[in-house]
Amino acid sequence: MLDYKFDYKREFRFFDFEIPQLPEGFVDDSWHNNVCPSFIRILDDQIITLWVDYKNPKRRELKAKQFFVTSEPNNDEINEVTHLFETNNWQVAMNKIDRLFKKAKK
């Protein structure tokens, strides 16, 4: 069995944004057939996905902000994805993710 490790730099060779340190617990889930790199972490029964789109808005397939976060149930079914937030500021995204996980710990 192959043990494949996702790597956004391999999957998106011409990506125009150097991703800083990811929030604790997030792992690379990037796949070249997606519109941009993604990183996931489990929160209770949800998969939280941090999507990091191209810095240059003209290269974005979606007309969203550069960073957006979604949530979906952690099961083997096809589920509806919930859009949690989006921003063009990395630090704002990190602060919101931090609050999301801190709130869940309470």
N, C-alpha and C. Protein backbone atom coordinates (compact mmCIF):
# COMPACT_ATOMS: atom_id res chain seq x y z
N MET A 1 0.84 -1.19 0.00
CA MET A 1 0.00 0.00 0.00
C MET A 1 0.89 1.25 0.00
N LEU A 2 0.55 2.20 -0.83
CA LEU A 2 1.30 3.45 -0.89
C LEU A 2 0.88 4.37 0.24
N ASP A 3 1.84 5.04 0.80
CA ASP A 3 1.55 6.02 1.85
C ASP A 3 1.78 7.39 1.23
N TYR A 4 0.73 7.97 0.66
CA TYR A 4 0.85 9.24 -0.06
C TYR A 4 0.75 10.41 0.89
N LYS A 5 1.71 11.31 0.83
CA LYS A 5 1.69 12.52 1.65
C LYS A 5 1.35 13.70 0.76
N PHE A 6 0.28 14.38 1.10
CA PHE A 6 -0.13 15.56 0.33
C PHE A 6 0.88 16.68 0.54
N ASP A 7 1.10 17.45 -0.50
CA ASP A 7 2.06 18.56 -0.43
C ASP A 7 1.62 19.63 -1.42
N TYR A 8 1.16 20.76 -0.89
CA TYR A 8 0.63 21.79 -1.78
C TYR A 8 1.67 22.28 -2.78
N LYS A 9 2.95 22.25 -2.41
CA LYS A 9 3.99 22.72 -3.33
C LYS A 9 4.16 21.78 -4.52
N ARG A 10 3.88 20.52 -4.33
CA ARG A 10 3.93 19.56 -5.43
C ARG A 10 2.63 19.61 -6.25
N GLU A 11 1.52 19.73 -5.57
CA GLU A 11 0.21 19.71 -6.24
C GLU A 11 -0.07 21.00 -7.00
N PHE A 12 0.47 22.12 -6.51
CA PHE A 12 0.26 23.44 -7.12
C PHE A 12 1.63 24.07 -7.35
N ARG A 13 2.33 23.57 -8.34
CA ARG A 13 3.73 23.96 -8.58
C ARG A 13 3.91 25.45 -8.84
N PHE A 14 2.90 26.11 -9.37
CA PHE A 14 3.03 27.53 -9.71
C PHE A 14 2.22 28.42 -8.77
N PHE A 15 1.98 27.91 -7.57
CA PHE A 15 1.21 28.66 -6.59
C PHE A 15 1.98 29.92 -6.19
N ASP A 16 1.28 31.04 -6.07
CA ASP A 16 1.94 32.34 -5.89
C ASP A 16 1.92 32.88 -4.47
N PHE A 17 1.72 32.02 -3.48
CA PHE A 17 1.68 32.48 -2.09
C PHE A 17 2.43 31.47 -1.24
N GLU A 18 3.41 31.94 -0.49
CA GLU A 18 4.16 31.07 0.43
C GLU A 18 3.36 30.98 1.73
N ILE A 19 2.82 29.82 2.01
CA ILE A 19 1.96 29.65 3.18
C ILE A 19 2.80 29.65 4.45
N PRO A 20 2.50 30.59 5.36
CA PRO A 20 3.23 30.65 6.64
C PRO A 20 2.91 29.43 7.50
N GLN A 21 3.33 29.45 8.71
CA GLN A 21 3.06 28.36 9.66
C GLN A 21 1.56 28.12 9.77
N LEU A 22 1.15 26.88 9.58
CA LEU A 22 -0.27 26.53 9.71
C LEU A 22 -0.68 26.49 11.17
N PRO A 23 -1.97 26.67 11.42
CA PRO A 23 -2.45 26.52 12.79
C PRO A 23 -2.20 25.09 13.28
N GLU A 24 -2.04 24.95 14.58
CA GLU A 24 -1.77 23.65 15.19
C GLU A 24 -2.82 22.61 14.78
N GLY A 25 -2.36 21.44 14.41
CA GLY A 25 -3.25 20.33 14.10
C GLY A 25 -3.71 20.24 12.66
N PHE A 26 -3.48 21.25 11.85
CA PHE A 26 -3.89 21.20 10.45
C PHE A 26 -2.86 20.42 9.64
N VAL A 27 -3.35 19.59 8.72
CA VAL A 27 -2.48 18.82 7.83
C VAL A 27 -2.83 19.14 6.38
N ASP A 28 -1.83 19.05 5.55
CA ASP A 28 -1.99 19.34 4.12
C ASP A 28 -2.90 18.29 3.49
N ASP A 29 -3.93 18.74 2.82
CA ASP A 29 -4.88 17.88 2.12
C ASP A 29 -5.01 18.32 0.67
N SER A 30 -4.00 19.01 0.16
CA SER A 30 -4.05 19.60 -1.17
C SER A 30 -4.02 18.54 -2.26
N TRP A 31 -4.84 18.76 -3.26
CA TRP A 31 -4.92 17.85 -4.40
C TRP A 31 -5.06 18.70 -5.65
N HIS A 32 -4.27 18.41 -6.66
CA HIS A 32 -4.20 19.26 -7.86
C HIS A 32 -5.53 19.42 -8.59
N ASN A 33 -6.48 18.55 -8.38
CA ASN A 33 -7.79 18.70 -9.03
C ASN A 33 -8.70 19.69 -8.31
N ASN A 34 -8.32 20.11 -7.12
CA ASN A 34 -9.06 21.15 -6.42
C ASN A 34 -8.65 22.52 -6.95
N VAL A 35 -9.39 23.54 -6.59
CA VAL A 35 -9.09 24.88 -7.12
C VAL A 35 -7.88 25.53 -6.46
N CYS A 36 -7.52 25.10 -5.25
CA CYS A 36 -6.39 25.69 -4.54
C CYS A 36 -5.98 24.76 -3.40
N PRO A 37 -4.83 25.01 -2.78
CA PRO A 37 -4.39 24.18 -1.65
C PRO A 37 -5.39 24.21 -0.49
N SER A 38 -5.41 23.10 0.24
CA SER A 38 -6.32 22.99 1.39
C SER A 38 -5.63 22.24 2.53
N PHE A 39 -6.08 22.56 3.73
CA PHE A 39 -5.50 21.99 4.94
C PHE A 39 -6.66 21.66 5.88
N ILE A 40 -6.62 20.48 6.49
CA ILE A 40 -7.77 20.03 7.28
C ILE A 40 -7.39 19.73 8.73
N ARG A 41 -8.42 19.80 9.56
CA ARG A 41 -8.32 19.41 10.97
C ARG A 41 -9.70 18.98 11.43
N ILE A 42 -9.74 17.95 12.25
CA ILE A 42 -11.02 17.46 12.78
C ILE A 42 -11.39 18.28 14.01
N LEU A 43 -12.65 18.66 14.07
CA LEU A 43 -13.21 19.38 15.22
C LEU A 43 -14.51 18.67 15.59
N ASP A 44 -14.46 17.91 16.67
CA ASP A 44 -15.61 17.10 17.08
C ASP A 44 -16.01 16.18 15.93
N ASP A 45 -17.19 16.35 15.37
CA ASP A 45 -17.64 15.47 14.27
C ASP A 45 -17.57 16.18 12.92
N GLN A 46 -16.78 17.25 12.84
CA GLN A 46 -16.67 18.04 11.62
C GLN A 46 -15.24 18.03 11.08
N ILE A 47 -15.12 18.15 9.76
CA ILE A 47 -13.83 18.39 9.13
C ILE A 47 -13.79 19.88 8.81
N ILE A 48 -12.83 20.57 9.40
CA ILE A 48 -12.64 21.99 9.13
C ILE A 48 -11.55 22.10 8.06
N THR A 49 -11.86 22.80 6.99
CA THR A 49 -10.90 22.94 5.89
C THR A 49 -10.54 24.40 5.70
N LEU A 50 -9.24 24.66 5.73
CA LEU A 50 -8.70 25.98 5.41
C LEU A 50 -8.25 25.92 3.96
N TRP A 51 -8.89 26.71 3.13
CA TRP A 51 -8.53 26.82 1.71
C TRP A 51 -7.68 28.07 1.55
N VAL A 52 -6.58 27.95 0.84
CA VAL A 52 -5.69 29.08 0.60
C VAL A 52 -5.61 29.27 -0.91
N ASP A 53 -6.24 30.33 -1.40
CA ASP A 53 -6.31 30.56 -2.84
C ASP A 53 -5.11 31.39 -3.30
N TYR A 54 -5.01 31.56 -4.59
CA TYR A 54 -3.91 32.32 -5.17
C TYR A 54 -3.92 33.76 -4.66
N LYS A 55 -2.74 34.30 -4.48
CA LYS A 55 -2.61 35.69 -4.06
C LYS A 55 -3.16 36.63 -5.14
N ASN A 56 -2.86 36.33 -6.38
CA ASN A 56 -3.34 37.12 -7.51
C ASN A 56 -4.80 36.76 -7.79
N PRO A 57 -5.75 37.68 -7.56
CA PRO A 57 -7.17 37.37 -7.77
C PRO A 57 -7.49 36.90 -9.20
N LYS A 58 -6.71 37.30 -10.17
CA LYS A 58 -6.96 36.88 -11.56
C LYS A 58 -6.71 35.39 -11.77
N ARG A 59 -5.95 34.78 -10.87
CA ARG A 59 -5.65 33.35 -10.97
C ARG A 59 -6.64 32.49 -10.20
N ARG A 60 -7.54 33.10 -9.47
CA ARG A 60 -8.51 32.35 -8.67
C ARG A 60 -9.66 31.86 -9.53
N GLU A 61 -9.98 30.60 -9.36
CA GLU A 61 -11.13 30.04 -10.07
C GLU A 61 -12.43 30.52 -9.44
N LEU A 62 -12.42 30.59 -8.11
CA LEU A 62 -13.58 31.09 -7.39
C LEU A 62 -13.38 32.58 -7.15
N LYS A 63 -14.43 33.32 -7.06
CA LYS A 63 -14.32 34.76 -6.81
C LYS A 63 -14.43 35.05 -5.32
N ALA A 64 -13.85 34.19 -4.52
CA ALA A 64 -13.85 34.36 -3.07
C ALA A 64 -12.60 35.13 -2.65
N LYS A 65 -12.51 35.38 -1.37
CA LYS A 65 -11.31 36.00 -0.82
C LYS A 65 -10.19 34.96 -0.84
N GLN A 66 -8.97 35.38 -0.50
CA GLN A 66 -7.82 34.48 -0.61
C GLN A 66 -7.89 33.31 0.38
N PHE A 67 -8.40 33.55 1.58
CA PHE A 67 -8.46 32.50 2.60
C PHE A 67 -9.91 32.27 2.97
N PHE A 68 -10.36 31.03 2.90
CA PHE A 68 -11.71 30.74 3.33
C PHE A 68 -11.75 29.40 4.04
N VAL A 69 -12.69 29.28 4.97
CA VAL A 69 -12.78 28.09 5.81
C VAL A 69 -14.17 27.49 5.69
N THR A 70 -14.18 26.18 5.55
CA THR A 70 -15.45 25.45 5.42
C THR A 70 -15.51 24.34 6.47
N SER A 71 -16.70 23.82 6.65
CA SER A 71 -16.93 22.74 7.59
C SER A 71 -17.86 21.73 6.93
N GLU A 72 -17.61 20.45 7.20
CA GLU A 72 -18.50 19.40 6.71
C GLU A 72 -18.46 18.23 7.68
N PRO A 73 -19.52 17.44 7.75
CA PRO A 73 -19.52 16.29 8.66
C PRO A 73 -18.39 15.32 8.34
N ASN A 74 -17.83 14.73 9.38
CA ASN A 74 -16.74 13.78 9.24
C ASN A 74 -17.34 12.37 9.13
N ASN A 75 -17.79 12.01 7.94
CA ASN A 75 -18.31 10.67 7.68
C ASN A 75 -18.02 10.30 6.22
N ASP A 76 -18.43 9.13 5.83
CA ASP A 76 -18.12 8.65 4.48
C ASP A 76 -19.20 9.00 3.46
N GLU A 77 -20.14 9.83 3.84
CA GLU A 77 -21.22 10.21 2.93
C GLU A 77 -20.88 11.50 2.20
N ILE A 78 -21.62 11.75 1.14
CA ILE A 78 -21.50 13.04 0.45
C ILE A 78 -22.32 14.03 1.27
N ASN A 79 -21.68 15.10 1.70
CA ASN A 79 -22.32 16.04 2.60
C ASN A 79 -22.33 17.44 2.03
N GLU A 80 -23.20 18.23 2.59
CA GLU A 80 -23.21 19.64 2.24
C GLU A 80 -22.11 20.35 3.03
N VAL A 81 -21.43 21.24 2.37
CA VAL A 81 -20.34 21.98 3.00
C VAL A 81 -20.87 23.32 3.50
N THR A 82 -20.48 23.69 4.71
CA THR A 82 -20.88 24.96 5.30
C THR A 82 -19.72 25.94 5.20
N HIS A 83 -19.99 27.10 4.65
CA HIS A 83 -18.99 28.17 4.55
C HIS A 83 -18.96 28.90 5.90
N LEU A 84 -17.81 28.89 6.57
CA LEU A 84 -17.71 29.53 7.89
C LEU A 84 -17.28 30.99 7.80
N PHE A 85 -16.24 31.28 7.01
CA PHE A 85 -15.81 32.67 6.83
C PHE A 85 -14.79 32.75 5.71
N GLU A 86 -14.51 33.97 5.27
CA GLU A 86 -13.46 34.22 4.30
C GLU A 86 -12.84 35.59 4.57
N THR A 87 -11.60 35.74 4.17
CA THR A 87 -10.87 36.98 4.38
C THR A 87 -9.69 37.04 3.41
N ASN A 88 -9.15 38.22 3.22
CA ASN A 88 -7.92 38.37 2.44
C ASN A 88 -6.71 38.55 3.34
N ASN A 89 -6.89 38.42 4.66
CA ASN A 89 -5.82 38.66 5.61
C ASN A 89 -5.48 37.37 6.35
N TRP A 90 -4.23 36.91 6.20
CA TRP A 90 -3.80 35.66 6.83
C TRP A 90 -3.98 35.70 8.35
N GLN A 91 -3.60 36.79 9.00
CA GLN A 91 -3.68 36.86 10.45
C GLN A 91 -5.13 36.84 10.93
N VAL A 92 -6.02 37.49 10.20
CA VAL A 92 -7.45 37.43 10.54
C VAL A 92 -7.94 35.98 10.45
N ALA A 93 -7.54 35.28 9.42
CA ALA A 93 -7.93 33.87 9.26
C ALA A 93 -7.42 33.04 10.43
N MET A 94 -6.15 33.25 10.82
CA MET A 94 -5.58 32.49 11.92
C MET A 94 -6.29 32.79 13.24
N ASN A 95 -6.62 34.05 13.47
CA ASN A 95 -7.34 34.43 14.70
C ASN A 95 -8.72 33.79 14.75
N LYS A 96 -9.43 33.79 13.64
CA LYS A 96 -10.78 33.19 13.61
C LYS A 96 -10.71 31.68 13.80
N ILE A 97 -9.72 31.03 13.20
CA ILE A 97 -9.55 29.58 13.38
C ILE A 97 -9.24 29.29 14.83
N ASP A 98 -8.36 30.07 15.43
CA ASP A 98 -8.01 29.89 16.83
C ASP A 98 -9.24 29.99 17.72
N ARG A 99 -10.07 31.02 17.49
CA ARG A 99 -11.30 31.19 18.28
C ARG A 99 -12.26 30.03 18.07
N LEU A 100 -12.35 29.53 16.85
CA LEU A 100 -13.23 28.41 16.53
C LEU A 100 -12.87 27.18 17.36
N PHE A 101 -11.59 26.88 17.44
CA PHE A 101 -11.16 25.70 18.19
C PHE A 101 -11.19 25.94 19.70
N LYS A 102 -10.90 27.14 20.16
CA LYS A 102 -10.99 27.44 21.59
C LYS A 102 -12.44 27.35 22.05
N LYS A 103 -13.37 27.86 21.24
CA LYS A 103 -14.79 27.80 21.59
C LYS A 103 -15.26 26.36 21.70
N ALA A 104 -14.75 25.49 20.85
CA ALA A 104 -15.16 24.08 20.87
C ALA A 104 -14.65 23.37 22.10
N LYS A 105 -13.54 23.82 22.68
CA LYS A 105 -12.97 23.18 23.87
C LYS A 105 -13.78 23.46 25.12
N LYS A 106 -14.57 24.54 25.10
CA LYS A 106 -15.35 24.93 26.30
C LYS A 106 -16.49 24.00 26.55
